[in-house]
Amino acid sequence: HLMRWTWIDRFVAFESGKFATAVKNLSLAEDHFADHVPGFPVMPAPLILEGLAQTGGILVGEARQYRENVVLAK
């Protein structure tokens, strides 16, 4: 299963079943910066939250040996 958009680039810390810290590298050329707050490049909150959810989903999936799909909702 591949995510259409991945909002993390790499893990800087990962302890199986306990915690994960991920990084998303950004460029001022990214489309969402032009429209979100013109003149003030800030990552839109829903995209930040999606990155957090993806990080958590990978942490949970890895802890369960990817036996089932992890869906984080609500």
PDB file of N, CA and C in Angstrom:
ATOM      1  N   HIS A   1       0.842  -1.175   0.000  1.00  0.00           N
ATOM      2  CA  HIS A   1       0.000   0.000   0.000  1.00  0.00           C
ATOM      3  C   HIS A   1       0.891   1.243   0.000  1.00  0.00           C
ATOM      4  N   LEU A   2       0.727   2.105  -0.964  1.00  0.00           N
ATOM      5  CA  LEU A   2       1.481   3.356  -1.033  1.00  0.00           C
ATOM      6  C   LEU A   2       0.561   4.529  -0.751  1.00  0.00           C
ATOM      7  N   MET A   3       1.069   5.469  -0.011  1.00  0.00           N
ATOM      8  CA  MET A   3       0.316   6.695   0.213  1.00  0.00           C
ATOM      9  C   MET A   3       0.496   7.584  -1.009  1.00  0.00           C
ATOM     10  N   ARG A   4      -0.546   8.274  -1.398  1.00  0.00           N
ATOM     11  CA  ARG A   4      -0.441   9.156  -2.547  1.00  0.00           C
ATOM     12  C   ARG A   4       0.495  10.319  -2.263  1.00  0.00           C
ATOM     13  N   TRP A   5       0.373  10.901  -1.085  1.00  0.00           N
ATOM     14  CA  TRP A   5       1.270  11.975  -0.660  1.00  0.00           C
ATOM     15  C   TRP A   5       1.889  11.559   0.649  1.00  0.00           C
ATOM     16  N   THR A   6       3.190  11.603   0.699  1.00  0.00           N
ATOM     17  CA  THR A   6       3.894  11.298   1.933  1.00  0.00           C
ATOM     18  C   THR A   6       4.386  12.605   2.517  1.00  0.00           C
ATOM     19  N   TRP A   7       3.973  12.905   3.729  1.00  0.00           N
ATOM     20  CA  TRP A   7       4.322  14.165   4.364  1.00  0.00           C
ATOM     21  C   TRP A   7       5.430  14.010   5.390  1.00  0.00           C
ATOM     22  N   ILE A   8       6.208  12.941   5.259  1.00  0.00           N
ATOM     23  CA  ILE A   8       7.436  12.800   6.031  1.00  0.00           C
ATOM     24  C   ILE A   8       8.528  12.359   5.064  1.00  0.00           C
ATOM     25  N   ASP A   9       9.748  12.775   5.326  1.00  0.00           N
ATOM     26  CA  ASP A   9      10.876  12.410   4.478  1.00  0.00           C
ATOM     27  C   ASP A   9      11.799  11.388   5.124  1.00  0.00           C
ATOM     28  N   ARG A  10      11.966  11.491   6.426  1.00  0.00           N
ATOM     29  CA  ARG A  10      12.855  10.542   7.105  1.00  0.00           C
ATOM     30  C   ARG A  10      12.574  10.574   8.601  1.00  0.00           C
ATOM     31  N   PHE A  11      12.999   9.510   9.247  1.00  0.00           N
ATOM     32  CA  PHE A  11      12.927   9.442  10.693  1.00  0.00           C
ATOM     33  C   PHE A  11      14.264   9.874  11.269  1.00  0.00           C
ATOM     34  N   VAL A  12      14.224  10.696  12.301  1.00  0.00           N
ATOM     35  CA  VAL A  12      15.444  11.074  13.003  1.00  0.00           C
ATOM     36  C   VAL A  12      15.562  10.291  14.312  1.00  0.00           C
ATOM     37  N   ALA A  13      14.458   9.710  14.762  1.00  0.00           N
ATOM     38  CA  ALA A  13      14.462   8.830  15.927  1.00  0.00           C
ATOM     39  C   ALA A  13      13.311   7.844  15.779  1.00  0.00           C
ATOM     40  N   PHE A  14      13.558   6.608  16.146  1.00  0.00           N
ATOM     41  CA  PHE A  14      12.517   5.584  16.048  1.00  0.00           C
ATOM     42  C   PHE A  14      12.835   4.483  17.049  1.00  0.00           C
ATOM     43  N   GLU A  15      11.931   4.282  18.002  1.00  0.00           N
ATOM     44  CA  GLU A  15      12.058   3.162  18.923  1.00  0.00           C
ATOM     45  C   GLU A  15      10.781   2.347  18.803  1.00  0.00           C
ATOM     46  N   SER A  16      10.932   1.143  18.299  1.00  0.00           N
ATOM     47  CA  SER A  16       9.792   0.293  17.994  1.00  0.00           C
ATOM     48  C   SER A  16       8.792   0.219  19.142  1.00  0.00           C
ATOM     49  N   GLY A  17       7.528   0.535  18.824  1.00  0.00           N
ATOM     50  CA  GLY A  17       6.450   0.450  19.792  1.00  0.00           C
ATOM     51  C   GLY A  17       6.430   1.562  20.833  1.00  0.00           C
ATOM     52  N   LYS A  18       7.368   2.517  20.744  1.00  0.00           N
ATOM     53  CA  LYS A  18       7.442   3.554  21.781  1.00  0.00           C
ATOM     54  C   LYS A  18       7.332   4.962  21.224  1.00  0.00           C
ATOM     55  N   PHE A  19       8.196   5.349  20.302  1.00  0.00           N
ATOM     56  CA  PHE A  19       8.141   6.713  19.787  1.00  0.00           C
ATOM     57  C   PHE A  19       8.806   6.799  18.423  1.00  0.00           C
ATOM     58  N   ALA A  20       8.460   7.856  17.718  1.00  0.00           N
ATOM     59  CA  ALA A  20       9.056   8.144  16.417  1.00  0.00           C
ATOM     60  C   ALA A  20       9.110   9.653  16.246  1.00  0.00           C
ATOM     61  N   THR A  21      10.187  10.122  15.658  1.00  0.00           N
ATOM     62  CA  THR A  21      10.328  11.531  15.305  1.00  0.00           C
ATOM     63  C   THR A  21      10.693  11.578  13.831  1.00  0.00           C
ATOM     64  N   ALA A  22       9.885  12.297  13.055  1.00  0.00           N
ATOM     65  CA  ALA A  22      10.098  12.358  11.614  1.00  0.00           C
ATOM     66  C   ALA A  22      10.295  13.805  11.173  1.00  0.00           C
ATOM     67  N   VAL A  23      10.890  13.963   9.996  1.00  0.00           N
ATOM     68  CA  VAL A  23      11.178  15.275   9.430  1.00  0.00           C
ATOM     69  C   VAL A  23      10.585  15.352   8.032  1.00  0.00           C
ATOM     70  N   LYS A  24      10.034  16.503   7.696  1.00  0.00           N
ATOM     71  CA  LYS A  24       9.595  16.806   6.331  1.00  0.00           C
ATOM     72  C   LYS A  24      10.410  17.999   5.865  1.00  0.00           C
ATOM     73  N   ASN A  25      11.194  17.813   4.812  1.00  0.00           N
ATOM     74  CA  ASN A  25      11.963  18.912   4.242  1.00  0.00           C
ATOM     75  C   ASN A  25      11.073  19.712   3.310  1.00  0.00           C
ATOM     76  N   LEU A  26      11.107  21.015   3.447  1.00  0.00           N
ATOM     77  CA  LEU A  26      10.244  21.881   2.656  1.00  0.00           C
ATOM     78  C   LEU A  26      11.063  22.817   1.778  1.00  0.00           C
ATOM     79  N   SER A  27      10.454  23.229   0.688  1.00  0.00           N
ATOM     80  CA  SER A  27      11.052  24.180  -0.234  1.00  0.00           C
ATOM     81  C   SER A  27      10.046  25.297  -0.473  1.00  0.00           C
ATOM     82  N   LEU A  28      10.539  26.512  -0.616  1.00  0.00           N
ATOM     83  CA  LEU A  28       9.622  27.626  -0.896  1.00  0.00           C
ATOM     84  C   LEU A  28       8.918  27.469  -2.237  1.00  0.00           C
ATOM     85  N   ALA A  29       9.374  26.541  -3.073  1.00  0.00           N
ATOM     86  CA  ALA A  29       8.755  26.307  -4.366  1.00  0.00           C
ATOM     87  C   ALA A  29       7.503  25.425  -4.269  1.00  0.00           C
ATOM     88  N   GLU A  30       7.196  24.886  -3.100  1.00  0.00           N
ATOM     89  CA  GLU A  30       6.040  24.002  -2.976  1.00  0.00           C
ATOM     90  C   GLU A  30       4.737  24.789  -3.146  1.00  0.00           C
ATOM     91  N   ASP A  31       3.810  24.198  -3.879  1.00  0.00           N
ATOM     92  CA  ASP A  31       2.567  24.873  -4.263  1.00  0.00           C
ATOM     93  C   ASP A  31       1.759  25.418  -3.097  1.00  0.00           C
ATOM     94  N   HIS A  32       1.670  24.684  -2.011  1.00  0.00           N
ATOM     95  CA  HIS A  32       0.800  25.126  -0.916  1.00  0.00           C
ATOM     96  C   HIS A  32       1.291  26.418  -0.265  1.00  0.00           C
ATOM     97  N   PHE A  33       2.558  26.758  -0.401  1.00  0.00           N
ATOM     98  CA  PHE A  33       3.053  28.016   0.165  1.00  0.00           C
ATOM     99  C   PHE A  33       2.536  29.233  -0.598  1.00  0.00           C
ATOM    100  N   ALA A  34       2.329  29.104  -1.885  1.00  0.00           N
ATOM    101  CA  ALA A  34       1.891  30.239  -2.709  1.00  0.00           C
ATOM    102  C   ALA A  34       0.473  30.684  -2.363  1.00  0.00           C
ATOM    103  N   ASP A  35      -0.381  29.746  -1.999  1.00  0.00           N
ATOM    104  CA  ASP A  35      -1.796  30.056  -1.817  1.00  0.00           C
ATOM    105  C   ASP A  35      -2.263  30.137  -0.369  1.00  0.00           C
ATOM    106  N   HIS A  36      -1.565  29.481   0.541  1.00  0.00           N
ATOM    107  CA  HIS A  36      -2.061  29.373   1.912  1.00  0.00           C
ATOM    108  C   HIS A  36      -2.078  30.734   2.625  1.00  0.00           C
ATOM    109  N   VAL A  37      -0.953  31.343   2.818  1.00  0.00           N
ATOM    110  CA  VAL A  37      -0.861  32.684   3.400  1.00  0.00           C
ATOM    111  C   VAL A  37       0.131  33.462   2.536  1.00  0.00           C
ATOM    112  N   PRO A  38      -0.350  34.133   1.494  1.00  0.00           N
ATOM    113  CA  PRO A  38       0.554  34.828   0.572  1.00  0.00           C
ATOM    114  C   PRO A  38       1.532  35.751   1.303  1.00  0.00           C
ATOM    115  N   GLY A  39       2.799  35.637   0.948  1.00  0.00           N
ATOM    116  CA  GLY A  39       3.834  36.455   1.554  1.00  0.00           C
ATOM    117  C   GLY A  39       4.366  35.923   2.877  1.00  0.00           C
ATOM    118  N   PHE A  40       3.756  34.874   3.415  1.00  0.00           N
ATOM    119  CA  PHE A  40       4.186  34.288   4.677  1.00  0.00           C
ATOM    120  C   PHE A  40       4.153  32.769   4.540  1.00  0.00           C
ATOM    121  N   PRO A  41       5.255  32.181   4.098  1.00  0.00           N
ATOM    122  CA  PRO A  41       5.260  30.735   3.837  1.00  0.00           C
ATOM    123  C   PRO A  41       5.160  29.917   5.128  1.00  0.00           C
ATOM    124  N   VAL A  42       3.994  29.359   5.342  1.00  0.00           N
ATOM    125  CA  VAL A  42       3.773  28.515   6.516  1.00  0.00           C
ATOM    126  C   VAL A  42       3.085  27.235   6.042  1.00  0.00           C
ATOM    127  N   MET A  43       3.483  26.128   6.623  1.00  0.00           N
ATOM    128  CA  MET A  43       2.886  24.842   6.262  1.00  0.00           C
ATOM    129  C   MET A  43       1.449  24.807   6.784  1.00  0.00           C
ATOM    130  N   PRO A  44       0.472  24.522   5.932  1.00  0.00           N
ATOM    131  CA  PRO A  44      -0.920  24.447   6.392  1.00  0.00           C
ATOM    132  C   PRO A  44      -1.093  23.386   7.490  1.00  0.00           C
ATOM    133  N   ALA A  45      -1.844  23.728   8.509  1.00  0.00           N
ATOM    134  CA  ALA A  45      -2.038  22.833   9.651  1.00  0.00           C
ATOM    135  C   ALA A  45      -2.527  21.439   9.259  1.00  0.00           C
ATOM    136  N   PRO A  46      -3.469  21.291   8.305  1.00  0.00           N
ATOM    137  CA  PRO A  46      -3.903  19.938   7.940  1.00  0.00           C
ATOM    138  C   PRO A  46      -2.762  19.081   7.383  1.00  0.00           C
ATOM    139  N   LEU A  47      -1.799  19.704   6.714  1.00  0.00           N
ATOM    140  CA  LEU A  47      -0.666  18.939   6.187  1.00  0.00           C
ATOM    141  C   LEU A  47       0.297  18.553   7.308  1.00  0.00           C
ATOM    142  N   ILE A  48       0.452  19.420   8.286  1.00  0.00           N
ATOM    143  CA  ILE A  48       1.263  19.075   9.462  1.00  0.00           C
ATOM    144  C   ILE A  48       0.622  17.895  10.196  1.00  0.00           C
ATOM    145  N   LEU A  49      -0.693  17.969  10.385  1.00  0.00           N
ATOM    146  CA  LEU A  49      -1.400  16.881  11.065  1.00  0.00           C
ATOM    147  C   LEU A  49      -1.319  15.578  10.274  1.00  0.00           C
ATOM    148  N   GLU A  50      -1.382  15.662   8.958  1.00  0.00           N
ATOM    149  CA  GLU A  50      -1.249  14.459   8.133  1.00  0.00           C
ATOM    150  C   GLU A  50       0.129  13.835   8.319  1.00  0.00           C
ATOM    151  N   GLY A  51       1.165  14.664   8.384  1.00  0.00           N
ATOM    152  CA  GLY A  51       2.511  14.145   8.647  1.00  0.00           C
ATOM    153  C   GLY A  51       2.598  13.455  10.002  1.00  0.00           C
ATOM    154  N   LEU A  52       1.957  14.045  11.013  1.00  0.00           N
ATOM    155  CA  LEU A  52       1.922  13.417  12.338  1.00  0.00           C
ATOM    156  C   LEU A  52       1.193  12.069  12.285  1.00  0.00           C
ATOM    157  N   ALA A  53       0.071  12.038  11.580  1.00  0.00           N
ATOM    158  CA  ALA A  53      -0.699  10.799  11.452  1.00  0.00           C
ATOM    159  C   ALA A  53       0.098   9.739  10.702  1.00  0.00           C
ATOM    160  N   GLN A  54       0.801  10.126   9.644  1.00  0.00           N
ATOM    161  CA  GLN A  54       1.608   9.165   8.894  1.00  0.00           C
ATOM    162  C   GLN A  54       2.739   8.606   9.769  1.00  0.00           C
ATOM    163  N   THR A  55       3.356   9.482  10.547  1.00  0.00           N
ATOM    164  CA  THR A  55       4.421   9.036  11.452  1.00  0.00           C
ATOM    165  C   THR A  55       3.863   8.042  12.470  1.00  0.00           C
ATOM    166  N   GLY A  56       2.724   8.383  13.077  1.00  0.00           N
ATOM    167  CA  GLY A  56       2.093   7.482  14.039  1.00  0.00           C
ATOM    168  C   GLY A  56       1.647   6.181  13.413  1.00  0.00           C
ATOM    169  N   GLY A  57       1.124   6.257  12.193  1.00  0.00           N
ATOM    170  CA  GLY A  57       0.685   5.045  11.498  1.00  0.00           C
ATOM    171  C   GLY A  57       1.840   4.092  11.219  1.00  0.00           C
ATOM    172  N   ILE A  58       2.973   4.638  10.839  1.00  0.00           N
ATOM    173  CA  ILE A  58       4.148   3.793  10.597  1.00  0.00           C
ATOM    174  C   ILE A  58       4.643   3.191  11.907  1.00  0.00           C
ATOM    175  N   LEU A  59       4.643   3.973  12.976  1.00  0.00           N
ATOM    176  CA  LEU A  59       5.059   3.472  14.284  1.00  0.00           C
ATOM    177  C   LEU A  59       4.170   2.305  14.726  1.00  0.00           C
ATOM    178  N   VAL A  60       2.860   2.483  14.626  1.00  0.00           N
ATOM    179  CA  VAL A  60       1.921   1.422  15.022  1.00  0.00           C
ATOM    180  C   VAL A  60       2.041   0.221  14.085  1.00  0.00           C
ATOM    181  N   GLY A  61       2.096   0.474  12.782  1.00  0.00           N
ATOM    182  CA  GLY A  61       2.218  -0.627  11.822  1.00  0.00           C
ATOM    183  C   GLY A  61       3.460  -1.462  12.055  1.00  0.00           C
ATOM    184  N   GLU A  62       4.581  -0.805  12.287  1.00  0.00           N
ATOM    185  CA  GLU A  62       5.841  -1.520  12.515  1.00  0.00           C
ATOM    186  C   GLU A  62       5.756  -2.352  13.787  1.00  0.00           C
ATOM    187  N   ALA A  63       5.141  -1.793  14.834  1.00  0.00           N
ATOM    188  CA  ALA A  63       5.013  -2.523  16.095  1.00  0.00           C
ATOM    189  C   ALA A  63       4.164  -3.781  15.935  1.00  0.00           C
ATOM    190  N   ARG A  64       3.258  -3.779  14.967  1.00  0.00           N
ATOM    191  CA  ARG A  64       2.381  -4.938  14.710  1.00  0.00           C
ATOM    192  C   ARG A  64       2.851  -5.745  13.503  1.00  0.00           C
ATOM    193  N   GLN A  65       4.103  -5.542  13.108  1.00  0.00           N
ATOM    194  CA  GLN A  65       4.716  -6.242  11.975  1.00  0.00           C
ATOM    195  C   GLN A  65       3.911  -6.100  10.679  1.00  0.00           C
ATOM    196  N   TYR A  66       3.203  -5.004  10.538  1.00  0.00           N
ATOM    197  CA  TYR A  66       2.411  -4.693   9.336  1.00  0.00           C
ATOM    198  C   TYR A  66       1.440  -5.803   8.960  1.00  0.00           C
ATOM    199  N   ARG A  67       0.886  -6.478   9.974  1.00  0.00           N
ATOM    200  CA  ARG A  67      -0.071  -7.555   9.706  1.00  0.00           C
ATOM    201  C   ARG A  67      -1.406  -7.050   9.184  1.00  0.00           C
ATOM    202  N   GLU A  68      -1.754  -5.810   9.504  1.00  0.00           N
ATOM    203  CA  GLU A  68      -2.991  -5.215   8.995  1.00  0.00           C
ATOM    204  C   GLU A  68      -2.737  -3.749   8.687  1.00  0.00           C
ATOM    205  N   ASN A  69      -3.637  -3.176   7.908  1.00  0.00           N
ATOM    206  CA  ASN A  69      -3.523  -1.743   7.598  1.00  0.00           C
ATOM    207  C   ASN A  69      -3.838  -0.929   8.845  1.00  0.00           C
ATOM    208  N   VAL A  70      -3.077   0.122   9.032  1.00  0.00           N
ATOM    209  CA  VAL A  70      -3.317   1.029  10.149  1.00  0.00           C
ATOM    210  C   VAL A  70      -4.059   2.237   9.627  1.00  0.00           C
ATOM    211  N   VAL A  71      -5.226   2.519  10.200  1.00  0.00           N
ATOM    212  CA  VAL A  71      -6.010   3.675   9.822  1.00  0.00           C
ATOM    213  C   VAL A  71      -6.217   4.515  11.082  1.00  0.00           C
ATOM    214  N   LEU A  72      -5.697   5.721  11.053  1.00  0.00           N
ATOM    215  CA  LEU A  72      -5.883   6.633  12.178  1.00  0.00           C
ATOM    216  C   LEU A  72      -7.013   7.587  11.813  1.00  0.00           C
ATOM    217  N   ALA A  73      -8.051   7.602  12.618  1.00  0.00           N
ATOM    218  CA  ALA A  73      -9.209   8.444  12.309  1.00  0.00           C
ATOM    219  C   ALA A  73      -9.798   9.006  13.595  1.00  0.00           C
ATOM    220  N   LYS A  74     -10.357  10.191  13.454  1.00  0.00           N
ATOM    221  CA  LYS A  74     -11.054  10.863  14.558  1.00  0.00           C
ATOM    222  C   LYS A  74     -10.174  10.953  15.760  1.00  0.00           C
TER     223      LYS A  74
END
